[in-house]
Amino acid sequence: MIKHTLGLALLAVAFGAQAQATPGSNLIVNGNAEAGVSGWTGFEGYSLFQSVDYGSNWVLPTQPGPLDRGSKMFTGLTAQAAGFQTLDLGALAGQSLHYELSGYLGGWAAQGDNALLYVSFLDAQDNEIGHAAIGPVTPAERGNQTGLFLRTASGQLPANTSALMFSLSMERLGGGDNDGYADNLSFVVSSVPEGGTLAYALAGLGLLGGLLRRRR
């Protein structure tokens, strides 16, 4: 679903981003659903997901999920639900940045309902020049358990990244409710020291060389 709605959301980037980019802090606004759906905008033609309390018809506090899960999580409202938010990197644009993407995603028992978090890396003309994603978590990966499970991704932002767009989608594949679940969504960037990549590579080669010498 993200591929079908990405173009529409890119049009919204021109209207301005929502927060300040600070290294070491979570750049996703309200990634834990505790403030309802504040910070998220619905895609045109799709309903926005909803923020619900743990328990009752949803994931119980005793079922798999983040230890610091708070009282709320995101889940779908209709068969296909999605929302996005954008962020201008400001002074960080053009810097060498490493990112850590993480979140808890899941679903209900053996149903295929799922959630996906997709991050677009945008240049100054709002063109997507790269992306990162976590999810979906399949029923088999969950062991057919109801709950949310940690997924992560990391890497380096493309050199010309000027802005970010975070897109969260839930899809119903069975049952009457959209039981794609998400909570504790996070995207953190940190500066890569000049020459850091080469230094890490050389250090790795040195370690490998030492291990090979020991084996001999």
C-alpha atoms as a PDB file:
ATOM      1  CA  MET A   1       0.000   0.000   0.000  1.00  0.00           C
ATOM      2  CA  ILE A   2       2.860   2.389   0.699  1.00  0.00           C
ATOM      3  CA  LYS A   3       3.929   2.306  -2.949  1.00  0.00           C
ATOM      4  CA  HIS A   4       0.467   3.450  -4.056  1.00  0.00           C
ATOM      5  CA  THR A   5       0.286   6.350  -1.595  1.00  0.00           C
ATOM      6  CA  LEU A   6       3.900   7.523  -1.530  1.00  0.00           C
ATOM      7  CA  GLY A   7       3.462   9.945  -4.431  1.00  0.00           C
ATOM      8  CA  LEU A   8       0.520  11.642  -2.746  1.00  0.00           C
ATOM      9  CA  ALA A   9       2.449  12.113   0.459  1.00  0.00           C
ATOM     10  CA  LEU A  10       5.457  13.560  -1.320  1.00  0.00           C
ATOM     11  CA  LEU A  11       3.217  16.394  -2.468  1.00  0.00           C
ATOM     12  CA  ALA A  12       2.593  17.250   1.163  1.00  0.00           C
ATOM     13  CA  VAL A  13       6.283  17.652   1.960  1.00  0.00           C
ATOM     14  CA  ALA A  14       6.274  21.034   0.236  1.00  0.00           C
ATOM     15  CA  PHE A  15       3.901  22.364   2.908  1.00  0.00           C
ATOM     16  CA  GLY A  16       6.584  22.085   5.554  1.00  0.00           C
ATOM     17  CA  ALA A  17       7.989  19.576   7.989  1.00  0.00           C
ATOM     18  CA  GLN A  18       6.786  19.073  11.516  1.00  0.00           C
ATOM     19  CA  ALA A  19       9.777  19.013  13.858  1.00  0.00           C
ATOM     20  CA  GLN A  20      13.425  19.913  14.362  1.00  0.00           C
ATOM     21  CA  ALA A  21      16.087  17.332  13.542  1.00  0.00           C
ATOM     22  CA  THR A  22      18.364  16.719  16.520  1.00  0.00           C
ATOM     23  CA  PRO A  23      21.024  14.003  16.566  1.00  0.00           C
ATOM     24  CA  GLY A  24      20.504  11.379  19.249  1.00  0.00           C
ATOM     25  CA  SER A  25      16.776  12.029  19.665  1.00  0.00           C
ATOM     26  CA  ASN A  26      13.780  10.188  18.221  1.00  0.00           C
ATOM     27  CA  LEU A  27      12.770  12.046  15.048  1.00  0.00           C
ATOM     28  CA  ILE A  28       9.343  10.375  14.840  1.00  0.00           C
ATOM     29  CA  VAL A  29       6.701  12.511  16.530  1.00  0.00           C
ATOM     30  CA  ASN A  30       4.372  10.513  18.786  1.00  0.00           C
ATOM     31  CA  GLY A  31       5.813   7.174  17.766  1.00  0.00           C
ATOM     32  CA  ASN A  32       4.351   5.532  20.871  1.00  0.00           C
ATOM     33  CA  ALA A  33       0.680   6.435  20.283  1.00  0.00           C
ATOM     34  CA  GLU A  34       0.374   7.975  23.757  1.00  0.00           C
ATOM     35  CA  ALA A  35      -0.801  11.290  22.229  1.00  0.00           C
ATOM     36  CA  GLY A  36      -3.471   9.646  20.094  1.00  0.00           C
ATOM     37  CA  VAL A  37      -2.692  10.186  16.406  1.00  0.00           C
ATOM     38  CA  SER A  38      -1.198  13.637  16.941  1.00  0.00           C
ATOM     39  CA  GLY A  39       1.710  14.294  14.562  1.00  0.00           C
ATOM     40  CA  TRP A  40       0.376  11.950  11.862  1.00  0.00           C
ATOM     41  CA  THR A  41      -1.505  12.937   8.695  1.00  0.00           C
ATOM     42  CA  GLY A  42      -3.764  10.601   6.742  1.00  0.00           C
ATOM     43  CA  PHE A  43      -3.114   9.786   3.104  1.00  0.00           C
ATOM     44  CA  GLU A  44      -5.730  11.077   0.683  1.00  0.00           C
ATOM     45  CA  GLY A  45      -8.230   8.308   0.003  1.00  0.00           C
ATOM     46  CA  TYR A  46      -7.255   6.252   3.060  1.00  0.00           C
ATOM     47  CA  SER A  47      -8.304   6.412   6.678  1.00  0.00           C
ATOM     48  CA  LEU A  48      -5.749   7.241   9.327  1.00  0.00           C
ATOM     49  CA  PHE A  49      -4.955   4.479  11.791  1.00  0.00           C
ATOM     50  CA  GLN A  50      -6.107   4.840  15.395  1.00  0.00           C
ATOM     51  CA  SER A  51      -4.566   4.913  18.871  1.00  0.00           C
ATOM     52  CA  VAL A  52      -6.138   2.351  21.227  1.00  0.00           C
ATOM     53  CA  ASP A  53      -5.624   1.160  24.782  1.00  0.00           C
ATOM     54  CA  TYR A  54      -3.789  -2.092  25.433  1.00  0.00           C
ATOM     55  CA  GLY A  55      -6.170  -4.806  26.617  1.00  0.00           C
ATOM     56  CA  SER A  56      -9.814  -5.574  25.895  1.00  0.00           C
ATOM     57  CA  ASN A  57     -10.109  -6.276  22.126  1.00  0.00           C
ATOM     58  CA  TRP A  58      -6.435  -5.560  21.475  1.00  0.00           C
ATOM     59  CA  VAL A  59      -3.064  -6.756  22.738  1.00  0.00           C
ATOM     60  CA  LEU A  60      -3.070  -7.529  26.450  1.00  0.00           C
ATOM     61  CA  PRO A  61      -0.353  -6.013  28.663  1.00  0.00           C
ATOM     62  CA  THR A  62       0.851  -9.578  29.322  1.00  0.00           C
ATOM     63  CA  GLN A  63       1.282 -10.449  25.631  1.00  0.00           C
ATOM     64  CA  PRO A  64       4.468  -9.795  23.621  1.00  0.00           C
ATOM     65  CA  GLY A  65       5.318  -6.119  23.165  1.00  0.00           C
ATOM     66  CA  PRO A  66       7.646  -3.393  24.411  1.00  0.00           C
ATOM     67  CA  LEU A  67       8.490  -3.469  28.102  1.00  0.00           C
ATOM     68  CA  ASP A  68       7.922   0.305  28.246  1.00  0.00           C
ATOM     69  CA  ARG A  69       4.777   0.102  26.158  1.00  0.00           C
ATOM     70  CA  GLY A  70       2.809   2.753  28.004  1.00  0.00           C
ATOM     71  CA  SER A  71      -0.973   2.483  27.779  1.00  0.00           C
ATOM     72  CA  LYS A  72      -1.592   2.848  24.012  1.00  0.00           C
ATOM     73  CA  MET A  73      -0.596   1.467  20.615  1.00  0.00           C
ATOM     74  CA  PHE A  74      -1.523   2.039  16.957  1.00  0.00           C
ATOM     75  CA  THR A  75      -3.871  -0.236  15.025  1.00  0.00           C
ATOM     76  CA  GLY A  76      -5.866  -0.032  11.814  1.00  0.00           C
ATOM     77  CA  LEU A  77      -9.301   1.555  11.646  1.00  0.00           C
ATOM     78  CA  THR A  78     -10.433   0.283   8.228  1.00  0.00           C
ATOM     79  CA  ALA A  79      -9.220  -2.484   5.899  1.00  0.00           C
ATOM     80  CA  GLN A  80      -6.347  -0.239   4.763  1.00  0.00           C
ATOM     81  CA  ALA A  81      -5.145   2.501   7.077  1.00  0.00           C
ATOM     82  CA  ALA A  82      -2.087   4.714   6.685  1.00  0.00           C
ATOM     83  CA  GLY A  83      -0.541   7.968   7.823  1.00  0.00           C
ATOM     84  CA  PHE A  84       2.666   9.935   7.426  1.00  0.00           C
ATOM     85  CA  GLN A  85       4.764  12.759   8.829  1.00  0.00           C
ATOM     86  CA  THR A  86       7.664  14.719   7.354  1.00  0.00           C
ATOM     87  CA  LEU A  87      10.827  16.223   8.763  1.00  0.00           C
ATOM     88  CA  ASP A  88      13.243  18.758   7.265  1.00  0.00           C
ATOM     89  CA  LEU A  89      16.809  17.914   8.303  1.00  0.00           C
ATOM     90  CA  GLY A  90      17.707  21.605   8.354  1.00  0.00           C
ATOM     91  CA  ALA A  91      21.337  22.122   9.365  1.00  0.00           C
ATOM     92  CA  LEU A  92      21.902  18.362   9.302  1.00  0.00           C
ATOM     93  CA  ALA A  93      21.202  18.164   5.553  1.00  0.00           C
ATOM     94  CA  GLY A  94      24.293  17.135   3.638  1.00  0.00           C
ATOM     95  CA  GLN A  95      26.080  15.818   6.714  1.00  0.00           C
ATOM     96  CA  SER A  96      27.285  12.231   6.956  1.00  0.00           C
ATOM     97  CA  LEU A  97      24.620  10.637   9.140  1.00  0.00           C
ATOM     98  CA  HIS A  98      24.045   7.127  10.450  1.00  0.00           C
ATOM     99  CA  TYR A  99      20.478   6.075  11.268  1.00  0.00           C
ATOM    100  CA  GLU A 100      18.866   3.523  13.569  1.00  0.00           C
ATOM    101  CA  LEU A 101      15.254   2.621  12.753  1.00  0.00           C
ATOM    102  CA  SER A 102      13.245   0.506  15.184  1.00  0.00           C
ATOM    103  CA  GLY A 103       9.705  -0.318  16.212  1.00  0.00           C
ATOM    104  CA  TYR A 104       7.397  -2.979  17.566  1.00  0.00           C
ATOM    105  CA  LEU A 105       5.082  -4.400  14.906  1.00  0.00           C
ATOM    106  CA  GLY A 106       2.631  -7.271  14.989  1.00  0.00           C
ATOM    107  CA  GLY A 107      -0.838  -8.679  14.620  1.00  0.00           C
ATOM    108  CA  TRP A 108      -3.543 -10.991  15.914  1.00  0.00           C
ATOM    109  CA  ALA A 109      -3.012 -14.770  16.278  1.00  0.00           C
ATOM    110  CA  ALA A 110      -2.780 -16.557  12.905  1.00  0.00           C
ATOM    111  CA  GLN A 111      -4.383 -13.711  10.921  1.00  0.00           C
ATOM    112  CA  GLY A 112      -2.249 -12.016   8.271  1.00  0.00           C
ATOM    113  CA  ASP A 113      -3.116  -8.441   9.277  1.00  0.00           C
ATOM    114  CA  ASN A 114       0.137  -6.505   9.515  1.00  0.00           C
ATOM    115  CA  ALA A 115       1.904  -3.170   9.898  1.00  0.00           C
ATOM    116  CA  LEU A 116       4.766  -1.615   7.932  1.00  0.00           C
ATOM    117  CA  LEU A 117       6.941   1.415   8.751  1.00  0.00           C
ATOM    118  CA  TYR A 118       8.623   2.963   5.693  1.00  0.00           C
ATOM    119  CA  VAL A 119      11.088   5.872   5.732  1.00  0.00           C
ATOM    120  CA  SER A 120      11.743   7.881   2.560  1.00  0.00           C
ATOM    121  CA  PHE A 121      15.014   9.782   2.180  1.00  0.00           C
ATOM    122  CA  LEU A 122      14.260  12.921   0.122  1.00  0.00           C
ATOM    123  CA  ASP A 123      16.540  15.337  -1.693  1.00  0.00           C
ATOM    124  CA  ALA A 124      16.056  19.106  -1.945  1.00  0.00           C
ATOM    125  CA  GLN A 125      13.508  18.618  -4.745  1.00  0.00           C
ATOM    126  CA  ASP A 126      11.502  16.128  -2.651  1.00  0.00           C
ATOM    127  CA  ASN A 127      12.577  13.177  -4.784  1.00  0.00           C
ATOM    128  CA  GLU A 128      13.016   9.865  -3.007  1.00  0.00           C
ATOM    129  CA  ILE A 129      16.708   8.928  -3.246  1.00  0.00           C
ATOM    130  CA  GLY A 130      16.607   6.004  -0.843  1.00  0.00           C
ATOM    131  CA  HIS A 131      14.520   4.356   1.824  1.00  0.00           C
ATOM    132  CA  ALA A 132      14.482   2.073   4.857  1.00  0.00           C
ATOM    133  CA  ALA A 133      11.678  -0.088   6.196  1.00  0.00           C
ATOM    134  CA  ILE A 134      10.736  -2.497   8.962  1.00  0.00           C
ATOM    135  CA  GLY A 135       7.917  -5.014   8.776  1.00  0.00           C
ATOM    136  CA  PRO A 136       5.610  -6.547   8.121  1.00  0.00           C
ATOM    137  CA  VAL A 137       5.814  -9.250  10.802  1.00  0.00           C
ATOM    138  CA  THR A 138       4.084 -12.360   9.475  1.00  0.00           C
ATOM    139  CA  PRO A 139       1.998 -14.790  11.566  1.00  0.00           C
ATOM    140  CA  ALA A 140       4.751 -17.397  11.120  1.00  0.00           C
ATOM    141  CA  GLU A 141       7.359 -14.943  12.444  1.00  0.00           C
ATOM    142  CA  ARG A 142       5.115 -14.296  15.447  1.00  0.00           C
ATOM    143  CA  GLY A 143       4.581 -18.018  16.016  1.00  0.00           C
ATOM    144  CA  ASN A 144       0.863 -17.272  15.494  1.00  0.00           C
ATOM    145  CA  GLN A 145       0.942 -15.294  18.730  1.00  0.00           C
ATOM    146  CA  THR A 146      -0.983 -12.079  19.272  1.00  0.00           C
ATOM    147  CA  GLY A 147       1.487  -9.331  20.064  1.00  0.00           C
ATOM    148  CA  LEU A 148       4.126  -6.888  18.877  1.00  0.00           C
ATOM    149  CA  PHE A 149       7.719  -7.806  18.089  1.00  0.00           C
ATOM    150  CA  LEU A 150      10.831  -5.643  17.750  1.00  0.00           C
ATOM    151  CA  ARG A 151      12.176  -4.992  14.272  1.00  0.00           C
ATOM    152  CA  THR A 152      15.215  -2.846  13.450  1.00  0.00           C
ATOM    153  CA  ALA A 153      17.175  -1.500  10.498  1.00  0.00           C
ATOM    154  CA  SER A 154      20.243   0.715  10.287  1.00  0.00           C
ATOM    155  CA  GLY A 155      22.498   2.322   7.738  1.00  0.00           C
ATOM    156  CA  GLN A 156      23.761   5.624   6.401  1.00  0.00           C
ATOM    157  CA  LEU A 157      21.613   8.355   4.881  1.00  0.00           C
ATOM    158  CA  PRO A 158      22.296   9.139   1.211  1.00  0.00           C
ATOM    159  CA  ALA A 159      24.622  12.135   0.913  1.00  0.00           C
ATOM    160  CA  ASN A 160      21.986  14.452  -0.579  1.00  0.00           C
ATOM    161  CA  THR A 161      19.217  13.742   1.943  1.00  0.00           C
ATOM    162  CA  SER A 162      17.422  16.979   2.899  1.00  0.00           C
ATOM    163  CA  ALA A 163      14.222  15.647   4.456  1.00  0.00           C
ATOM    164  CA  LEU A 164      12.591  12.484   5.768  1.00  0.00           C
ATOM    165  CA  MET A 165       9.095  11.119   5.407  1.00  0.00           C
ATOM    166  CA  PHE A 166       7.820   8.450   7.808  1.00  0.00           C
ATOM    167  CA  SER A 167       4.889   6.356   6.562  1.00  0.00           C
ATOM    168  CA  LEU A 168       3.040   3.858   8.750  1.00  0.00           C
ATOM    169  CA  SER A 169       0.465   1.530   7.188  1.00  0.00           C
ATOM    170  CA  MET A 170      -1.775  -1.288   8.415  1.00  0.00           C
ATOM    171  CA  GLU A 171      -3.473  -3.841   6.168  1.00  0.00           C
ATOM    172  CA  ARG A 172      -6.325  -6.243   6.965  1.00  0.00           C
ATOM    173  CA  LEU A 173      -5.977  -9.681   5.384  1.00  0.00           C
ATOM    174  CA  GLY A 174      -8.445 -11.608   7.549  1.00  0.00           C
ATOM    175  CA  GLY A 175     -11.178 -11.226  10.163  1.00  0.00           C
ATOM    176  CA  GLY A 176     -13.427  -8.246  10.709  1.00  0.00           C
ATOM    177  CA  ASP A 177     -10.931  -5.798  12.248  1.00  0.00           C
ATOM    178  CA  ASN A 178      -7.660  -4.428  10.945  1.00  0.00           C
ATOM    179  CA  ASP A 179      -5.283  -5.978  13.471  1.00  0.00           C
ATOM    180  CA  GLY A 180      -2.034  -4.534  12.205  1.00  0.00           C
ATOM    181  CA  TYR A 181      -0.273  -3.244  15.337  1.00  0.00           C
ATOM    182  CA  ALA A 182       2.572  -0.775  15.921  1.00  0.00           C
ATOM    183  CA  ASP A 183       4.190   0.891  18.923  1.00  0.00           C
ATOM    184  CA  ASN A 184       7.422   2.564  20.083  1.00  0.00           C
ATOM    185  CA  LEU A 185       8.458   3.675  16.591  1.00  0.00           C
ATOM    186  CA  SER A 186      11.868   5.352  16.532  1.00  0.00           C
ATOM    187  CA  PHE A 187      14.307   6.883  14.049  1.00  0.00           C
ATOM    188  CA  VAL A 188      17.559   8.253  15.470  1.00  0.00           C
ATOM    189  CA  VAL A 189      20.464   9.772  13.564  1.00  0.00           C
ATOM    190  CA  SER A 190      24.042  10.328  14.662  1.00  0.00           C
ATOM    191  CA  SER A 191      26.970  12.025  12.984  1.00  0.00           C
ATOM    192  CA  VAL A 192      29.597   9.842  11.349  1.00  0.00           C
ATOM    193  CA  PRO A 193      33.102  11.233  12.063  1.00  0.00           C
ATOM    194  CA  GLU A 194      35.032  12.235   8.954  1.00  0.00           C
ATOM    195  CA  GLY A 195      36.902   9.186   7.747  1.00  0.00           C
ATOM    196  CA  GLY A 196      34.964   7.090  10.237  1.00  0.00           C
ATOM    197  CA  THR A 197      33.785   4.546   7.708  1.00  0.00           C
ATOM    198  CA  LEU A 198      37.337   3.912   6.493  1.00  0.00           C
ATOM    199  CA  ALA A 199      38.638   3.739  10.042  1.00  0.00           C
ATOM    200  CA  TYR A 200      36.019   1.162  10.987  1.00  0.00           C
ATOM    201  CA  ALA A 201      36.831  -0.859   7.879  1.00  0.00           C
ATOM    202  CA  LEU A 202      40.559  -0.818   8.626  1.00  0.00           C
ATOM    203  CA  ALA A 203      39.923  -1.778  12.227  1.00  0.00           C
ATOM    204  CA  GLY A 204      37.813  -4.695  11.028  1.00  0.00           C
ATOM    205  CA  LEU A 205      40.566  -5.839   8.684  1.00  0.00           C
ATOM    206  CA  GLY A 206      43.083  -5.592  11.507  1.00  0.00           C
ATOM    207  CA  LEU A 207      40.912  -7.735  13.749  1.00  0.00           C
ATOM    208  CA  LEU A 208      40.407 -10.281  10.977  1.00  0.00           C
ATOM    209  CA  GLY A 209      44.145 -10.405  10.336  1.00  0.00           C
ATOM    210  CA  GLY A 210      44.824 -11.000  14.003  1.00  0.00           C
ATOM    211  CA  LEU A 211      42.340 -13.843  14.155  1.00  0.00           C
ATOM    212  CA  LEU A 212      43.862 -15.486  11.074  1.00  0.00           C
ATOM    213  CA  ARG A 213      47.378 -15.235  12.534  1.00  0.00           C
ATOM    214  CA  ARG A 214      46.193 -16.873  15.740  1.00  0.00           C
ATOM    215  CA  ARG A 215      44.676 -19.774  13.822  1.00  0.00           C
ATOM    216  CA  ARG A 216      48.029 -20.379  12.147  1.00  0.00           C
END
